[in-house]
Amino acid sequence: MKVFSAWGASYNAVVGVGDITGDGRSDLVERDTAGNLYRNAGDGKGSFGARVKISGGWQGYKGLF
């Protein structure tokens, strides 16, 4: 199953985190090789919106559940 293509970034971790935007749709969080974190909000139709930088690393969060 293809999860994504042509995002143009070198990710070394992709995590399905559930709904972190509070809109009732599942989101993704990715970490690039520089340690930056990005979020792609789910559209509720099986796809995701454009990435948004959310932190310079995992330390931006107290916990991911």
N, C-alpha and C. Protein backbone atom coordinates (compact mmCIF):
# COMPACT_ATOMS: atom_id res chain seq x y z
N MET A 1 0.83 -1.17 0.00
CA MET A 1 0.00 0.00 0.00
C MET A 1 0.88 1.24 0.00
N LYS A 2 0.64 2.18 -0.88
CA LYS A 2 1.39 3.42 -0.96
C LYS A 2 0.85 4.39 0.08
N VAL A 3 1.75 4.91 0.92
CA VAL A 3 1.35 5.84 1.96
C VAL A 3 1.55 7.28 1.50
N PHE A 4 2.67 7.56 0.83
CA PHE A 4 2.92 8.90 0.34
C PHE A 4 3.93 8.85 -0.79
N SER A 5 4.01 9.92 -1.57
CA SER A 5 5.02 10.04 -2.61
C SER A 5 5.31 11.51 -2.87
N ALA A 6 6.50 11.80 -3.31
CA ALA A 6 6.92 13.13 -3.75
C ALA A 6 6.67 14.24 -2.73
N TRP A 7 6.94 13.96 -1.45
CA TRP A 7 6.81 15.02 -0.45
C TRP A 7 8.00 15.97 -0.49
N GLY A 8 9.07 15.58 -1.16
CA GLY A 8 10.22 16.46 -1.32
C GLY A 8 11.06 16.65 -0.07
N ALA A 9 10.96 15.79 0.89
CA ALA A 9 11.76 15.91 2.11
C ALA A 9 12.33 14.55 2.47
N SER A 10 13.41 14.57 3.19
CA SER A 10 14.05 13.33 3.60
C SER A 10 13.65 13.03 5.05
N TYR A 11 12.58 12.26 5.22
CA TYR A 11 12.10 11.91 6.55
C TYR A 11 12.76 10.63 7.02
N ASN A 12 13.08 10.59 8.32
CA ASN A 12 13.59 9.34 8.88
C ASN A 12 12.61 8.75 9.89
N ALA A 13 11.47 9.41 10.08
CA ALA A 13 10.40 8.86 10.92
C ALA A 13 9.07 9.46 10.48
N VAL A 14 8.06 8.62 10.35
CA VAL A 14 6.70 9.04 10.05
C VAL A 14 5.79 8.33 11.04
N VAL A 15 4.97 9.09 11.78
CA VAL A 15 4.14 8.52 12.83
C VAL A 15 2.69 8.93 12.62
N GLY A 16 1.79 7.96 12.65
CA GLY A 16 0.36 8.25 12.68
C GLY A 16 -0.01 8.57 14.11
N VAL A 17 -0.31 9.83 14.40
CA VAL A 17 -0.46 10.28 15.78
C VAL A 17 -1.90 10.44 16.22
N GLY A 18 -2.84 10.09 15.38
CA GLY A 18 -4.23 10.35 15.72
C GLY A 18 -4.56 11.79 15.38
N ASP A 19 -5.46 12.39 16.12
CA ASP A 19 -5.93 13.74 15.83
C ASP A 19 -5.25 14.75 16.74
N ILE A 20 -4.17 15.40 16.26
CA ILE A 20 -3.51 16.42 17.09
C ILE A 20 -3.99 17.83 16.76
N THR A 21 -4.78 17.99 15.73
CA THR A 21 -5.29 19.32 15.37
C THR A 21 -6.66 19.59 15.98
N GLY A 22 -7.32 18.56 16.49
CA GLY A 22 -8.62 18.73 17.12
C GLY A 22 -9.78 18.83 16.16
N ASP A 23 -9.57 18.41 14.91
CA ASP A 23 -10.65 18.51 13.92
C ASP A 23 -11.38 17.19 13.69
N GLY A 24 -11.03 16.16 14.47
CA GLY A 24 -11.70 14.87 14.34
C GLY A 24 -11.13 13.97 13.25
N ARG A 25 -10.00 14.37 12.64
CA ARG A 25 -9.37 13.59 11.57
C ARG A 25 -7.96 13.20 11.98
N SER A 26 -7.53 12.02 11.58
CA SER A 26 -6.19 11.54 11.92
C SER A 26 -5.13 12.33 11.17
N ASP A 27 -4.02 12.61 11.85
CA ASP A 27 -2.92 13.39 11.30
C ASP A 27 -1.63 12.57 11.30
N LEU A 28 -0.63 13.06 10.59
CA LEU A 28 0.70 12.46 10.57
C LEU A 28 1.71 13.45 11.13
N VAL A 29 2.75 12.92 11.77
CA VAL A 29 3.90 13.72 12.17
C VAL A 29 5.13 13.06 11.57
N GLU A 30 6.00 13.88 10.96
CA GLU A 30 7.23 13.38 10.35
C GLU A 30 8.42 14.12 10.94
N ARG A 31 9.55 13.41 11.02
CA ARG A 31 10.82 14.02 11.42
C ARG A 31 11.78 13.93 10.25
N ASP A 32 12.43 15.06 9.91
CA ASP A 32 13.41 15.01 8.83
C ASP A 32 14.78 14.71 9.41
N THR A 33 15.76 14.55 8.55
CA THR A 33 17.10 14.16 8.99
C THR A 33 17.79 15.25 9.80
N ALA A 34 17.29 16.50 9.77
CA ALA A 34 17.84 17.58 10.58
C ALA A 34 17.18 17.64 11.97
N GLY A 35 16.15 16.80 12.21
CA GLY A 35 15.47 16.75 13.49
C GLY A 35 14.23 17.62 13.58
N ASN A 36 13.83 18.28 12.51
CA ASN A 36 12.62 19.10 12.50
C ASN A 36 11.38 18.23 12.42
N LEU A 37 10.32 18.66 13.12
CA LEU A 37 9.05 17.93 13.08
C LEU A 37 8.03 18.69 12.25
N TYR A 38 7.26 17.93 11.47
CA TYR A 38 6.22 18.49 10.63
C TYR A 38 4.93 17.73 10.85
N ARG A 39 3.81 18.42 10.65
CA ARG A 39 2.49 17.80 10.75
C ARG A 39 1.79 17.92 9.40
N ASN A 40 1.14 16.85 9.00
CA ASN A 40 0.24 16.86 7.85
C ASN A 40 -1.14 16.53 8.38
N ALA A 41 -2.05 17.49 8.28
CA ALA A 41 -3.41 17.30 8.78
C ALA A 41 -4.19 16.39 7.84
N GLY A 42 -4.92 15.44 8.40
CA GLY A 42 -5.76 14.56 7.60
C GLY A 42 -6.95 15.33 7.04
N ASP A 43 -7.38 14.93 5.84
CA ASP A 43 -8.53 15.61 5.22
C ASP A 43 -9.83 14.84 5.41
N GLY A 44 -9.77 13.69 6.10
CA GLY A 44 -10.97 12.90 6.33
C GLY A 44 -11.39 12.06 5.15
N LYS A 45 -10.61 12.10 4.07
CA LYS A 45 -10.92 11.34 2.85
C LYS A 45 -9.78 10.39 2.48
N GLY A 46 -8.87 10.15 3.43
CA GLY A 46 -7.76 9.24 3.18
C GLY A 46 -6.50 9.91 2.68
N SER A 47 -6.45 11.23 2.71
CA SER A 47 -5.27 11.96 2.26
C SER A 47 -4.91 13.01 3.32
N PHE A 48 -3.82 13.73 3.06
CA PHE A 48 -3.31 14.68 4.03
C PHE A 48 -2.97 16.00 3.34
N GLY A 49 -3.09 17.08 4.09
CA GLY A 49 -2.76 18.40 3.58
C GLY A 49 -1.26 18.64 3.58
N ALA A 50 -0.88 19.86 3.22
CA ALA A 50 0.52 20.26 3.16
C ALA A 50 1.16 20.20 4.54
N ARG A 51 2.46 20.00 4.56
CA ARG A 51 3.17 19.92 5.84
C ARG A 51 3.28 21.30 6.47
N VAL A 52 3.28 21.28 7.81
CA VAL A 52 3.45 22.48 8.61
C VAL A 52 4.50 22.17 9.66
N LYS A 53 5.55 22.99 9.75
CA LYS A 53 6.58 22.76 10.76
C LYS A 53 5.99 23.04 12.14
N ILE A 54 6.16 22.08 13.05
CA ILE A 54 5.57 22.23 14.38
C ILE A 54 6.61 22.28 15.49
N SER A 55 7.86 21.89 15.21
CA SER A 55 8.88 21.90 16.25
C SER A 55 10.25 21.64 15.63
N GLY A 56 11.28 22.01 16.37
CA GLY A 56 12.64 21.72 15.95
C GLY A 56 13.10 20.35 16.40
N GLY A 57 12.23 19.57 17.03
CA GLY A 57 12.57 18.24 17.52
C GLY A 57 11.51 17.73 18.45
N TRP A 58 11.63 16.47 18.87
CA TRP A 58 10.63 15.86 19.74
C TRP A 58 10.51 16.59 21.07
N GLN A 59 11.56 17.32 21.49
CA GLN A 59 11.50 18.00 22.77
C GLN A 59 10.43 19.08 22.81
N GLY A 60 9.82 19.42 21.69
CA GLY A 60 8.73 20.37 21.66
C GLY A 60 7.45 19.84 22.29
N TYR A 61 7.44 18.54 22.62
CA TYR A 61 6.26 17.90 23.20
C TYR A 61 6.60 17.28 24.53
N LYS A 62 5.66 17.31 25.45
CA LYS A 62 5.83 16.62 26.73
C LYS A 62 5.55 15.15 26.58
N GLY A 63 4.68 14.78 25.62
CA GLY A 63 4.36 13.39 25.37
C GLY A 63 3.51 13.25 24.13
N LEU A 64 3.68 12.14 23.44
CA LEU A 64 2.85 11.79 22.30
C LEU A 64 2.13 10.51 22.67
N PHE A 65 0.81 10.51 22.61
CA PHE A 65 0.05 9.34 23.02
C PHE A 65 -0.79 8.83 21.89
